Amino acid sequence: MNKVRSLLNQAEEDLKVACYDKCISSSYFSCRMMVEIFLRSMGIGQLPRRDDKLANLLRNRGLREEADTLLFLYDMRKKADYGWSIAGKEEAEESLKAAKSLISSISGRMKLKLI
């Protein structure tokens, strides 16, 4: 959980210093790690590498909004990391907000408070 918290803190700091692409990437990775921790806590040992399949595991457990958020963040990260354009402040803010929402939801289901 410390790594999840660290990545989310990095995203917040990146947003403050206008490193928007890095903010988006850290937002995504904090959520990816949170989802993996959650699914492992449910007894799923072999997790898929592909984000769409990971999101399907969430969706199949009734976490539709969280699955959609993970896919949204994955798409944003691909644009930030591999796209030719530089992400703007609004995109970074939206990604960070989505990440906080997903982490809050999943950590709440695990009876943890990370945010």
PDB file of N, CA and C in Angstrom:
ATOM      1  N   MET A   1       0.818  -1.209   0.000  1.00  0.00           N
ATOM      2  CA  MET A   1       0.000   0.000   0.000  1.00  0.00           C
ATOM      3  C   MET A   1       0.860   1.271   0.000  1.00  0.00           C
ATOM      4  N   ASN A   2       2.072   1.139   0.523  1.00  0.00           N
ATOM      5  CA  ASN A   2       2.943   2.314   0.540  1.00  0.00           C
ATOM      6  C   ASN A   2       3.267   2.790  -0.870  1.00  0.00           C
ATOM      7  N   LYS A   3       3.444   1.852  -1.789  1.00  0.00           N
ATOM      8  CA  LYS A   3       3.759   2.221  -3.175  1.00  0.00           C
ATOM      9  C   LYS A   3       2.562   2.924  -3.820  1.00  0.00           C
ATOM     10  N   VAL A   4       1.354   2.452  -3.530  1.00  0.00           N
ATOM     11  CA  VAL A   4       0.147   3.112  -4.056  1.00  0.00           C
ATOM     12  C   VAL A   4       0.108   4.556  -3.571  1.00  0.00           C
ATOM     13  N   ARG A   5       0.318   4.723  -2.283  1.00  0.00           N
ATOM     14  CA  ARG A   5       0.299   6.061  -1.684  1.00  0.00           C
ATOM     15  C   ARG A   5       1.405   6.931  -2.281  1.00  0.00           C
ATOM     16  N   SER A   6       2.599   6.352  -2.455  1.00  0.00           N
ATOM     17  CA  SER A   6       3.727   7.095  -3.008  1.00  0.00           C
ATOM     18  C   SER A   6       3.441   7.553  -4.435  1.00  0.00           C
ATOM     19  N   LEU A   7       2.913   6.667  -5.265  1.00  0.00           N
ATOM     20  CA  LEU A   7       2.600   7.032  -6.649  1.00  0.00           C
ATOM     21  C   LEU A   7       1.539   8.123  -6.719  1.00  0.00           C
ATOM     22  N   LEU A   8       0.547   8.042  -5.849  1.00  0.00           N
ATOM     23  CA  LEU A   8      -0.493   9.072  -5.832  1.00  0.00           C
ATOM     24  C   LEU A   8       0.093  10.413  -5.382  1.00  0.00           C
ATOM     25  N   ASN A   9       0.972  10.384  -4.387  1.00  0.00           N
ATOM     26  CA  ASN A   9       1.644  11.614  -3.947  1.00  0.00           C
ATOM     27  C   ASN A   9       2.502  12.199  -5.054  1.00  0.00           C
ATOM     28  N   GLN A  10       3.180  11.329  -5.805  1.00  0.00           N
ATOM     29  CA  GLN A  10       3.989  11.799  -6.933  1.00  0.00           C
ATOM     30  C   GLN A  10       3.108  12.474  -7.984  1.00  0.00           C
ATOM     31  N   ALA A  11       1.956  11.895  -8.232  1.00  0.00           N
ATOM     32  CA  ALA A  11       1.032  12.492  -9.203  1.00  0.00           C
ATOM     33  C   ALA A  11       0.601  13.884  -8.746  1.00  0.00           C
ATOM     34  N   GLU A  12       0.320  14.015  -7.462  1.00  0.00           N
ATOM     35  CA  GLU A  12      -0.084  15.330  -6.929  1.00  0.00           C
ATOM     36  C   GLU A  12       1.040  16.352  -7.074  1.00  0.00           C
ATOM     37  N   GLU A  13       2.259  15.928  -6.764  1.00  0.00           N
ATOM     38  CA  GLU A  13       3.412  16.833  -6.889  1.00  0.00           C
ATOM     39  C   GLU A  13       3.666  17.188  -8.354  1.00  0.00           C
ATOM     40  N   ASP A  14       3.555  16.220  -9.239  1.00  0.00           N
ATOM     41  CA  ASP A  14       3.755  16.486 -10.663  1.00  0.00           C
ATOM     42  C   ASP A  14       2.737  17.497 -11.182  1.00  0.00           C
ATOM     43  N   LEU A  15       1.518  17.403 -10.703  1.00  0.00           N
ATOM     44  CA  LEU A  15       0.487  18.358 -11.114  1.00  0.00           C
ATOM     45  C   LEU A  15       0.867  19.768 -10.662  1.00  0.00           C
ATOM     46  N   LYS A  16       1.372  19.894  -9.448  1.00  0.00           N
ATOM     47  CA  LYS A  16       1.747  21.210  -8.907  1.00  0.00           C
ATOM     48  C   LYS A  16       2.854  21.874  -9.702  1.00  0.00           C
ATOM     49  N   VAL A  17       3.764  21.064 -10.255  1.00  0.00           N
ATOM     50  CA  VAL A  17       4.905  21.638 -10.980  1.00  0.00           C
ATOM     51  C   VAL A  17       4.742  21.537 -12.494  1.00  0.00           C
ATOM     52  N   ALA A  18       3.514  21.312 -12.933  1.00  0.00           N
ATOM     53  CA  ALA A  18       3.152  21.296 -14.356  1.00  0.00           C
ATOM     54  C   ALA A  18       3.818  20.169 -15.145  1.00  0.00           C
ATOM     55  N   CYS A  19       4.116  19.062 -14.494  1.00  0.00           N
ATOM     56  CA  CYS A  19       4.592  17.856 -15.190  1.00  0.00           C
ATOM     57  C   CYS A  19       3.373  16.972 -15.440  1.00  0.00           C
ATOM     58  N   TYR A  20       2.553  17.392 -16.375  1.00  0.00           N
ATOM     59  CA  TYR A  20       1.236  16.792 -16.561  1.00  0.00           C
ATOM     60  C   TYR A  20       1.298  15.360 -17.077  1.00  0.00           C
ATOM     61  N   ASP A  21       2.209  15.089 -18.002  1.00  0.00           N
ATOM     62  CA  ASP A  21       2.337  13.716 -18.494  1.00  0.00           C
ATOM     63  C   ASP A  21       2.720  12.770 -17.351  1.00  0.00           C
ATOM     64  N   LYS A  22       3.654  13.194 -16.521  1.00  0.00           N
ATOM     65  CA  LYS A  22       4.075  12.368 -15.382  1.00  0.00           C
ATOM     66  C   LYS A  22       2.944  12.201 -14.374  1.00  0.00           C
ATOM     67  N   CYS A  23       2.156  13.220 -14.171  1.00  0.00           N
ATOM     68  CA  CYS A  23       1.001  13.147 -13.272  1.00  0.00           C
ATOM     69  C   CYS A  23       0.030  12.077 -13.742  1.00  0.00           C
ATOM     70  N   ILE A  24      -0.249  12.070 -15.026  1.00  0.00           N
ATOM     71  CA  ILE A  24      -1.183  11.097 -15.593  1.00  0.00           C
ATOM     72  C   ILE A  24      -0.629   9.683 -15.449  1.00  0.00           C
ATOM     73  N   SER A  25       0.635   9.515 -15.737  1.00  0.00           N
ATOM     74  CA  SER A  25       1.252   8.201 -15.652  1.00  0.00           C
ATOM     75  C   SER A  25       1.242   7.676 -14.211  1.00  0.00           C
ATOM     76  N   SER A  26       1.624   8.509 -13.263  1.00  0.00           N
ATOM     77  CA  SER A  26       1.615   8.087 -11.853  1.00  0.00           C
ATOM     78  C   SER A  26       0.200   7.825 -11.359  1.00  0.00           C
ATOM     79  N   SER A  27      -0.755   8.592 -11.830  1.00  0.00           N
ATOM     80  CA  SER A  27      -2.158   8.364 -11.456  1.00  0.00           C
ATOM     81  C   SER A  27      -2.596   6.975 -11.897  1.00  0.00           C
ATOM     82  N   TYR A  28      -2.269   6.652 -13.144  1.00  0.00           N
ATOM     83  CA  TYR A  28      -2.620   5.331 -13.661  1.00  0.00           C
ATOM     84  C   TYR A  28      -1.951   4.217 -12.859  1.00  0.00           C
ATOM     85  N   PHE A  29      -0.638   4.310 -12.667  1.00  0.00           N
ATOM     86  CA  PHE A  29       0.078   3.225 -12.009  1.00  0.00           C
ATOM     87  C   PHE A  29      -0.334   3.044 -10.557  1.00  0.00           C
ATOM     88  N   SER A  30      -0.724   4.124  -9.896  1.00  0.00           N
ATOM     89  CA  SER A  30      -1.221   3.971  -8.518  1.00  0.00           C
ATOM     90  C   SER A  30      -2.501   3.138  -8.518  1.00  0.00           C
ATOM     91  N   CYS A  31      -3.340   3.350  -9.509  1.00  0.00           N
ATOM     92  CA  CYS A  31      -4.596   2.594  -9.601  1.00  0.00           C
ATOM     93  C   CYS A  31      -4.353   1.160 -10.039  1.00  0.00           C
ATOM     94  N   ARG A  32      -3.491   0.968 -10.984  1.00  0.00           N
ATOM     95  CA  ARG A  32      -3.179  -0.392 -11.437  1.00  0.00           C
ATOM     96  C   ARG A  32      -2.707  -1.233 -10.245  1.00  0.00           C
ATOM     97  N   MET A  33      -1.815  -0.647  -9.443  1.00  0.00           N
ATOM     98  CA  MET A  33      -1.298  -1.368  -8.282  1.00  0.00           C
ATOM     99  C   MET A  33      -2.404  -1.618  -7.252  1.00  0.00           C
ATOM    100  N   MET A  34      -3.273  -0.635  -7.038  1.00  0.00           N
ATOM    101  CA  MET A  34      -4.379  -0.797  -6.081  1.00  0.00           C
ATOM    102  C   MET A  34      -5.303  -1.914  -6.534  1.00  0.00           C
ATOM    103  N   VAL A  35      -5.613  -1.958  -7.803  1.00  0.00           N
ATOM    104  CA  VAL A  35      -6.482  -3.004  -8.350  1.00  0.00           C
ATOM    105  C   VAL A  35      -5.833  -4.379  -8.178  1.00  0.00           C
ATOM    106  N   GLU A  36      -4.553  -4.461  -8.452  1.00  0.00           N
ATOM    107  CA  GLU A  36      -3.863  -5.741  -8.286  1.00  0.00           C
ATOM    108  C   GLU A  36      -3.882  -6.205  -6.830  1.00  0.00           C
ATOM    109  N   ILE A  37      -3.639  -5.308  -5.902  1.00  0.00           N
ATOM    110  CA  ILE A  37      -3.678  -5.649  -4.477  1.00  0.00           C
ATOM    111  C   ILE A  37      -5.072  -6.128  -4.097  1.00  0.00           C
ATOM    112  N   PHE A  38      -6.079  -5.422  -4.573  1.00  0.00           N
ATOM    113  CA  PHE A  38      -7.466  -5.782  -4.271  1.00  0.00           C
ATOM    114  C   PHE A  38      -7.810  -7.170  -4.802  1.00  0.00           C
ATOM    115  N   LEU A  39      -7.492  -7.418  -6.054  1.00  0.00           N
ATOM    116  CA  LEU A  39      -7.835  -8.706  -6.656  1.00  0.00           C
ATOM    117  C   LEU A  39      -7.065  -9.856  -5.991  1.00  0.00           C
ATOM    118  N   ARG A  40      -5.822  -9.613  -5.637  1.00  0.00           N
ATOM    119  CA  ARG A  40      -5.062 -10.653  -4.921  1.00  0.00           C
ATOM    120  C   ARG A  40      -5.678 -10.929  -3.548  1.00  0.00           C
ATOM    121  N   SER A  41      -6.191  -9.875  -2.912  1.00  0.00           N
ATOM    122  CA  SER A  41      -6.825 -10.070  -1.601  1.00  0.00           C
ATOM    123  C   SER A  41      -8.100 -10.898  -1.711  1.00  0.00           C
ATOM    124  N   MET A  42      -8.640 -10.977  -2.926  1.00  0.00           N
ATOM    125  CA  MET A  42      -9.835 -11.784  -3.172  1.00  0.00           C
ATOM    126  C   MET A  42      -9.468 -13.202  -3.616  1.00  0.00           C
ATOM    127  N   GLY A  43      -8.187 -13.528  -3.567  1.00  0.00           N
ATOM    128  CA  GLY A  43      -7.753 -14.879  -3.883  1.00  0.00           C
ATOM    129  C   GLY A  43      -7.387 -15.128  -5.333  1.00  0.00           C
ATOM    130  N   ILE A  44      -7.298 -14.073  -6.126  1.00  0.00           N
ATOM    131  CA  ILE A  44      -6.910 -14.237  -7.529  1.00  0.00           C
ATOM    132  C   ILE A  44      -5.390 -14.149  -7.593  1.00  0.00           C
ATOM    133  N   GLY A  45      -4.759 -15.269  -7.887  1.00  0.00           N
ATOM    134  CA  GLY A  45      -3.304 -15.321  -7.872  1.00  0.00           C
ATOM    135  C   GLY A  45      -2.665 -14.890  -9.174  1.00  0.00           C
ATOM    136  N   GLN A  46      -3.202 -15.348 -10.280  1.00  0.00           N
ATOM    137  CA  GLN A  46      -2.630 -15.059 -11.598  1.00  0.00           C
ATOM    138  C   GLN A  46      -3.390 -13.898 -12.228  1.00  0.00           C
ATOM    139  N   LEU A  47      -2.780 -12.730 -12.213  1.00  0.00           N
ATOM    140  CA  LEU A  47      -3.434 -11.544 -12.766  1.00  0.00           C
ATOM    141  C   LEU A  47      -2.962 -11.300 -14.201  1.00  0.00           C
ATOM    142  N   PRO A  48      -3.877 -10.902 -15.059  1.00  0.00           N
ATOM    143  CA  PRO A  48      -3.489 -10.627 -16.449  1.00  0.00           C
ATOM    144  C   PRO A  48      -2.661  -9.354 -16.554  1.00  0.00           C
ATOM    145  N   ARG A  49      -1.804  -9.314 -17.535  1.00  0.00           N
ATOM    146  CA  ARG A  49      -1.018  -8.104 -17.789  1.00  0.00           C
ATOM    147  C   ARG A  49      -1.838  -7.062 -18.545  1.00  0.00           C
ATOM    148  N   ARG A  50      -2.725  -7.537 -19.386  1.00  0.00           N
ATOM    149  CA  ARG A  50      -3.534  -6.613 -20.196  1.00  0.00           C
ATOM    150  C   ARG A  50      -4.562  -5.903 -19.328  1.00  0.00           C
ATOM    151  N   ASP A  51      -4.636  -4.598 -19.523  1.00  0.00           N
ATOM    152  CA  ASP A  51      -5.525  -3.782 -18.703  1.00  0.00           C
ATOM    153  C   ASP A  51      -6.998  -4.070 -18.948  1.00  0.00           C
ATOM    154  N   ASP A  52      -7.364  -4.407 -20.180  1.00  0.00           N
ATOM    155  CA  ASP A  52      -8.763  -4.701 -20.446  1.00  0.00           C
ATOM    156  C   ASP A  52      -9.191  -5.970 -19.713  1.00  0.00           C
ATOM    157  N   LYS A  53      -8.316  -6.937 -19.630  1.00  0.00           N
ATOM    158  CA  LYS A  53      -8.644  -8.168 -18.909  1.00  0.00           C
ATOM    159  C   LYS A  53      -8.678  -7.930 -17.398  1.00  0.00           C
ATOM    160  N   LEU A  54      -7.784  -7.079 -16.918  1.00  0.00           N
ATOM    161  CA  LEU A  54      -7.791  -6.726 -15.495  1.00  0.00           C
ATOM    162  C   LEU A  54      -9.089  -5.985 -15.155  1.00  0.00           C
ATOM    163  N   ALA A  55      -9.482  -5.085 -16.039  1.00  0.00           N
ATOM    164  CA  ALA A  55     -10.741  -4.356 -15.834  1.00  0.00           C
ATOM    165  C   ALA A  55     -11.935  -5.307 -15.855  1.00  0.00           C
ATOM    166  N   ASN A  56     -11.870  -6.323 -16.721  1.00  0.00           N
ATOM    167  CA  ASN A  56     -12.960  -7.306 -16.757  1.00  0.00           C
ATOM    168  C   ASN A  56     -13.087  -8.068 -15.450  1.00  0.00           C
ATOM    169  N   LEU A  57     -11.966  -8.334 -14.787  1.00  0.00           N
ATOM    170  CA  LEU A  57     -12.034  -8.983 -13.479  1.00  0.00           C
ATOM    171  C   LEU A  57     -12.790  -8.106 -12.479  1.00  0.00           C
ATOM    172  N   LEU A  58     -12.551  -6.800 -12.545  1.00  0.00           N
ATOM    173  CA  LEU A  58     -13.301  -5.876 -11.681  1.00  0.00           C
ATOM    174  C   LEU A  58     -14.780  -5.874 -12.055  1.00  0.00           C
ATOM    175  N   ARG A  59     -15.040  -5.761 -13.345  1.00  0.00           N
ATOM    176  CA  ARG A  59     -16.419  -5.702 -13.835  1.00  0.00           C
ATOM    177  C   ARG A  59     -17.198  -6.958 -13.425  1.00  0.00           C
ATOM    178  N   ASN A  60     -16.540  -8.113 -13.516  1.00  0.00           N
ATOM    179  CA  ASN A  60     -17.195  -9.375 -13.160  1.00  0.00           C
ATOM    180  C   ASN A  60     -17.492  -9.480 -11.667  1.00  0.00           C
ATOM    181  N   ARG A  61     -16.897  -8.607 -10.883  1.00  0.00           N
ATOM    182  CA  ARG A  61     -17.159  -8.568  -9.449  1.00  0.00           C
ATOM    183  C   ARG A  61     -18.080  -7.412  -9.073  1.00  0.00           C
ATOM    184  N   GLY A  62     -18.729  -6.850 -10.082  1.00  0.00           N
ATOM    185  CA  GLY A  62     -19.700  -5.784  -9.841  1.00  0.00           C
ATOM    186  C   GLY A  62     -19.106  -4.401  -9.716  1.00  0.00           C
ATOM    187  N   LEU A  63     -17.843  -4.240 -10.062  1.00  0.00           N
ATOM    188  CA  LEU A  63     -17.180  -2.941  -9.943  1.00  0.00           C
ATOM    189  C   LEU A  63     -17.061  -2.287 -11.323  1.00  0.00           C
ATOM    190  N   ARG A  64     -18.198  -2.023 -11.918  1.00  0.00           N
ATOM    191  CA  ARG A  64     -18.248  -1.482 -13.278  1.00  0.00           C
ATOM    192  C   ARG A  64     -17.592  -0.106 -13.373  1.00  0.00           C
ATOM    193  N   GLU A  65     -17.938   0.778 -12.457  1.00  0.00           N
ATOM    194  CA  GLU A  65     -17.381   2.134 -12.508  1.00  0.00           C
ATOM    195  C   GLU A  65     -15.867   2.122 -12.327  1.00  0.00           C
ATOM    196  N   GLU A  66     -15.395   1.288 -11.423  1.00  0.00           N
ATOM    197  CA  GLU A  66     -13.960   1.183 -11.186  1.00  0.00           C
ATOM    198  C   GLU A  66     -13.249   0.610 -12.420  1.00  0.00           C
ATOM    199  N   ALA A  67     -13.877  -0.363 -13.068  1.00  0.00           N
ATOM    200  CA  ALA A  67     -13.310  -0.939 -14.291  1.00  0.00           C
ATOM    201  C   ALA A  67     -13.218   0.123 -15.385  1.00  0.00           C
ATOM    202  N   ASP A  68     -14.275   0.898 -15.546  1.00  0.00           N
ATOM    203  CA  ASP A  68     -14.270   1.962 -16.556  1.00  0.00           C
ATOM    204  C   ASP A  68     -13.209   3.014 -16.245  1.00  0.00           C
ATOM    205  N   THR A  69     -13.055   3.335 -14.970  1.00  0.00           N
ATOM    206  CA  THR A  69     -12.047   4.317 -14.564  1.00  0.00           C
ATOM    207  C   THR A  69     -10.645   3.806 -14.858  1.00  0.00           C
ATOM    208  N   LEU A  70     -10.390   2.537 -14.572  1.00  0.00           N
ATOM    209  CA  LEU A  70      -9.077   1.964 -14.864  1.00  0.00           C
ATOM    210  C   LEU A  70      -8.777   2.048 -16.361  1.00  0.00           C
ATOM    211  N   LEU A  71      -9.748   1.733 -17.189  1.00  0.00           N
ATOM    212  CA  LEU A  71      -9.544   1.802 -18.643  1.00  0.00           C
ATOM    213  C   LEU A  71      -9.355   3.240 -19.120  1.00  0.00           C
ATOM    214  N   PHE A  72     -10.095   4.166 -18.529  1.00  0.00           N
ATOM    215  CA  PHE A  72      -9.921   5.590 -18.845  1.00  0.00           C
ATOM    216  C   PHE A  72      -8.489   6.025 -18.522  1.00  0.00           C
ATOM    217  N   LEU A  73      -8.025   5.656 -17.333  1.00  0.00           N
ATOM    218  CA  LEU A  73      -6.676   6.038 -16.918  1.00  0.00           C
ATOM    219  C   LEU A  73      -5.611   5.377 -17.798  1.00  0.00           C
ATOM    220  N   TYR A  74      -5.865   4.160 -18.209  1.00  0.00           N
ATOM    221  CA  TYR A  74      -4.929   3.474 -19.107  1.00  0.00           C
ATOM    222  C   TYR A  74      -4.837   4.217 -20.443  1.00  0.00           C
ATOM    223  N   ASP A  75      -5.967   4.612 -20.992  1.00  0.00           N
ATOM    224  CA  ASP A  75      -5.966   5.370 -22.247  1.00  0.00           C
ATOM    225  C   ASP A  75      -5.238   6.703 -22.089  1.00  0.00           C
ATOM    226  N   MET A  76      -5.479   7.369 -20.966  1.00  0.00           N
ATOM    227  CA  MET A  76      -4.801   8.638 -20.710  1.00  0.00           C
ATOM    228  C   MET A  76      -3.291   8.433 -20.588  1.00  0.00           C
ATOM    229  N   ARG A  77      -2.878   7.355 -19.920  1.00  0.00           N
ATOM    230  CA  ARG A  77      -1.448   7.078 -19.760  1.00  0.00           C
ATOM    231  C   ARG A  77      -0.794   6.792 -21.104  1.00  0.00           C
ATOM    232  N   LYS A  78      -1.471   6.037 -21.963  1.00  0.00           N
ATOM    233  CA  LYS A  78      -0.910   5.765 -23.290  1.00  0.00           C
ATOM    234  C   LYS A  78      -0.678   7.069 -24.051  1.00  0.00           C
ATOM    235  N   LYS A  79      -1.644   7.979 -23.972  1.00  0.00           N
ATOM    236  CA  LYS A  79      -1.485   9.265 -24.662  1.00  0.00           C
ATOM    237  C   LYS A  79      -0.342  10.064 -24.050  1.00  0.00           C
ATOM    238  N   ALA A  80      -0.266  10.056 -22.713  1.00  0.00           N
ATOM    239  CA  ALA A  80       0.767  10.831 -22.023  1.00  0.00           C
ATOM    240  C   ALA A  80       2.162  10.256 -22.281  1.00  0.00           C
ATOM    241  N   ASP A  81       2.276   8.941 -22.261  1.00  0.00           N
ATOM    242  CA  ASP A  81       3.591   8.316 -22.387  1.00  0.00           C
ATOM    243  C   ASP A  81       4.049   8.146 -23.831  1.00  0.00           C
ATOM    244  N   TYR A  82       3.121   7.929 -24.747  1.00  0.00           N
ATOM    245  CA  TYR A  82       3.495   7.589 -26.118  1.00  0.00           C
ATOM    246  C   TYR A  82       3.003   8.579 -27.172  1.00  0.00           C
ATOM    247  N   GLY A  83       2.091   9.448 -26.785  1.00  0.00           N
ATOM    248  CA  GLY A  83       1.527  10.384 -27.745  1.00  0.00           C
ATOM    249  C   GLY A  83       2.499  11.496 -28.116  1.00  0.00           C
ATOM    250  N   TRP A  84       2.212  12.142 -29.205  1.00  0.00           N
ATOM    251  CA  TRP A  84       3.067  13.218 -29.688  1.00  0.00           C
ATOM    252  C   TRP A  84       2.729  14.558 -29.046  1.00  0.00           C
ATOM    253  N   SER A  85       1.548  14.670 -28.484  1.00  0.00           N
ATOM    254  CA  SER A  85       1.183  15.933 -27.851  1.00  0.00           C
ATOM    255  C   SER A  85       1.448  15.860 -26.343  1.00  0.00           C
ATOM    256  N   ILE A  86       1.613  17.019 -25.757  1.00  0.00           N
ATOM    257  CA  ILE A  86       1.854  17.115 -24.321  1.00  0.00           C
ATOM    258  C   ILE A  86       0.504  17.303 -23.625  1.00  0.00           C
ATOM    259  N   ALA A  87       0.293  16.547 -22.581  1.00  0.00           N
ATOM    260  CA  ALA A  87      -0.972  16.640 -21.846  1.00  0.00           C
ATOM    261  C   ALA A  87      -1.094  18.017 -21.197  1.00  0.00           C
ATOM    262  N   GLY A  88      -2.328  18.468 -21.080  1.00  0.00           N
ATOM    263  CA  GLY A  88      -2.589  19.745 -20.443  1.00  0.00           C
ATOM    264  C   GLY A  88      -2.992  19.585 -18.992  1.00  0.00           C
ATOM    265  N   LYS A  89      -3.111  20.690 -18.328  1.00  0.00           N
ATOM    266  CA  LYS A  89      -3.464  20.703 -16.909  1.00  0.00           C
ATOM    267  C   LYS A  89      -4.811  20.042 -16.656  1.00  0.00           C
ATOM    268  N   GLU A  90      -5.791  20.322 -17.513  1.00  0.00           N
ATOM    269  CA  GLU A  90      -7.132  19.770 -17.315  1.00  0.00           C
ATOM    270  C   GLU A  90      -7.123  18.241 -17.388  1.00  0.00           C
ATOM    271  N   GLU A  91      -6.364  17.696 -18.332  1.00  0.00           N
ATOM    272  CA  GLU A  91      -6.269  16.238 -18.457  1.00  0.00           C
ATOM    273  C   GLU A  91      -5.599  15.626 -17.228  1.00  0.00           C
ATOM    274  N   ALA A  92      -4.573  16.286 -16.747  1.00  0.00           N
ATOM    275  CA  ALA A  92      -3.870  15.789 -15.562  1.00  0.00           C
ATOM    276  C   ALA A  92      -4.784  15.854 -14.339  1.00  0.00           C
ATOM    277  N   GLU A  93      -5.504  16.953 -14.207  1.00  0.00           N
ATOM    278  CA  GLU A  93      -6.431  17.080 -13.069  1.00  0.00           C
ATOM    279  C   GLU A  93      -7.528  16.018 -13.126  1.00  0.00           C
ATOM    280  N   GLU A  94      -8.052  15.783 -14.311  1.00  0.00           N
ATOM    281  CA  GLU A  94      -9.094  14.778 -14.485  1.00  0.00           C
ATOM    282  C   GLU A  94      -8.571  13.376 -14.152  1.00  0.00           C
ATOM    283  N   SER A  95      -7.352  13.086 -14.574  1.00  0.00           N
ATOM    284  CA  SER A  95      -6.750  11.784 -14.286  1.00  0.00           C
ATOM    285  C   SER A  95      -6.513  11.609 -12.792  1.00  0.00           C
ATOM    286  N   LEU A  96      -5.990  12.624 -12.150  1.00  0.00           N
ATOM    287  CA  LEU A  96      -5.729  12.538 -10.714  1.00  0.00           C
ATOM    288  C   LEU A  96      -7.034  12.389  -9.927  1.00  0.00           C
ATOM    289  N   LYS A  97      -8.048  13.121 -10.327  1.00  0.00           N
ATOM    290  CA  LYS A  97      -9.354  13.004  -9.670  1.00  0.00           C
ATOM    291  C   LYS A  97      -9.923  11.587  -9.838  1.00  0.00           C
ATOM    292  N   ALA A  98      -9.821  11.045 -11.038  1.00  0.00           N
ATOM    293  CA  ALA A  98     -10.310   9.685 -11.297  1.00  0.00           C
ATOM    294  C   ALA A  98      -9.534   8.669 -10.476  1.00  0.00           C
ATOM    295  N   ALA A  99      -8.216   8.853 -10.388  1.00  0.00           N
ATOM    296  CA  ALA A  99      -7.378   7.933  -9.611  1.00  0.00           C
ATOM    297  C   ALA A  99      -7.775   7.961  -8.139  1.00  0.00           C
ATOM    298  N   LYS A 100      -7.965   9.136  -7.604  1.00  0.00           N
ATOM    299  CA  LYS A 100      -8.361   9.251  -6.191  1.00  0.00           C
ATOM    300  C   LYS A 100      -9.702   8.581  -5.946  1.00  0.00           C
ATOM    301  N   SER A 101     -10.618   8.734  -6.878  1.00  0.00           N
ATOM    302  CA  SER A 101     -11.932   8.118  -6.753  1.00  0.00           C
ATOM    303  C   SER A 101     -11.833   6.598  -6.750  1.00  0.00           C
ATOM    304  N   LEU A 102     -11.070   6.049  -7.696  1.00  0.00           N
ATOM    305  CA  LEU A 102     -10.910   4.597  -7.783  1.00  0.00           C
ATOM    306  C   LEU A 102     -10.232   4.042  -6.527  1.00  0.00           C
ATOM    307  N   ILE A 103      -9.162   4.684  -6.103  1.00  0.00           N
ATOM    308  CA  ILE A 103      -8.436   4.213  -4.919  1.00  0.00           C
ATOM    309  C   ILE A 103      -9.303   4.307  -3.672  1.00  0.00           C
ATOM    310  N   SER A 104     -10.050   5.374  -3.558  1.00  0.00           N
ATOM    311  CA  SER A 104     -10.946   5.524  -2.413  1.00  0.00           C
ATOM    312  C   SER A 104     -12.009   4.433  -2.395  1.00  0.00           C
ATOM    313  N   SER A 105     -12.577   4.143  -3.543  1.00  0.00           N
ATOM    314  CA  SER A 105     -13.613   3.122  -3.642  1.00  0.00           C
ATOM    315  C   SER A 105     -13.077   1.743  -3.284  1.00  0.00           C
ATOM    316  N   ILE A 106     -11.963   1.379  -3.876  1.00  0.00           N
ATOM    317  CA  ILE A 106     -11.428   0.036  -3.647  1.00  0.00           C
ATOM    318  C   ILE A 106     -10.855  -0.107  -2.244  1.00  0.00           C
ATOM    319  N   SER A 107     -10.161   0.905  -1.775  1.00  0.00           N
ATOM    320  CA  SER A 107      -9.620   0.800  -0.417  1.00  0.00           C
ATOM    321  C   SER A 107     -10.761   0.753   0.598  1.00  0.00           C
ATOM    322  N   GLY A 108     -11.853   1.442   0.310  1.00  0.00           N
ATOM    323  CA  GLY A 108     -13.025   1.366   1.186  1.00  0.00           C
ATOM    324  C   GLY A 108     -13.604  -0.030   1.242  1.00  0.00           C
ATOM    325  N   ARG A 109     -13.630  -0.712   0.116  1.00  0.00           N
ATOM    326  CA  ARG A 109     -14.105  -2.103   0.085  1.00  0.00           C
ATOM    327  C   ARG A 109     -13.185  -3.025   0.867  1.00  0.00           C
ATOM    328  N   MET A 110     -11.924  -2.626   0.971  1.00  0.00           N
ATOM    329  CA  MET A 110     -10.962  -3.424   1.710  1.00  0.00           C
ATOM    330  C   MET A 110     -10.879  -2.980   3.176  1.00  0.00           C
ATOM    331  N   LYS A 111     -11.718  -2.019   3.541  1.00  0.00           N
ATOM    332  CA  LYS A 111     -11.760  -1.479   4.897  1.00  0.00           C
ATOM    333  C   LYS A 111     -10.435  -0.772   5.257  1.00  0.00           C
ATOM    334  N   LEU A 112      -9.865  -0.082   4.264  1.00  0.00           N
ATOM    335  CA  LEU A 112      -8.636   0.681   4.449  1.00  0.00           C
ATOM    336  C   LEU A 112      -8.918   2.131   4.116  1.00  0.00           C
ATOM    337  N   LYS A 113      -8.119   3.021   4.650  1.00  0.00           N
ATOM    338  CA  LYS A 113      -8.251   4.427   4.317  1.00  0.00           C
ATOM    339  C   LYS A 113      -6.909   4.915   3.795  1.00  0.00           C
ATOM    340  N   LEU A 114      -6.826   5.084   2.480  1.00  0.00           N
ATOM    341  CA  LEU A 114      -5.596   5.566   1.854  1.00  0.00           C
ATOM    342  C   LEU A 114      -5.682   7.031   1.482  1.00  0.00           C
ATOM    343  N   ILE A 115      -6.891   7.530   1.313  1.00  0.00           N
ATOM    344  CA  ILE A 115      -7.070   8.925   0.891  1.00  0.00           C
ATOM    345  C   ILE A 115      -7.880   9.648   1.950  1.00  0.00           C
TER     346      ILE A 115
END
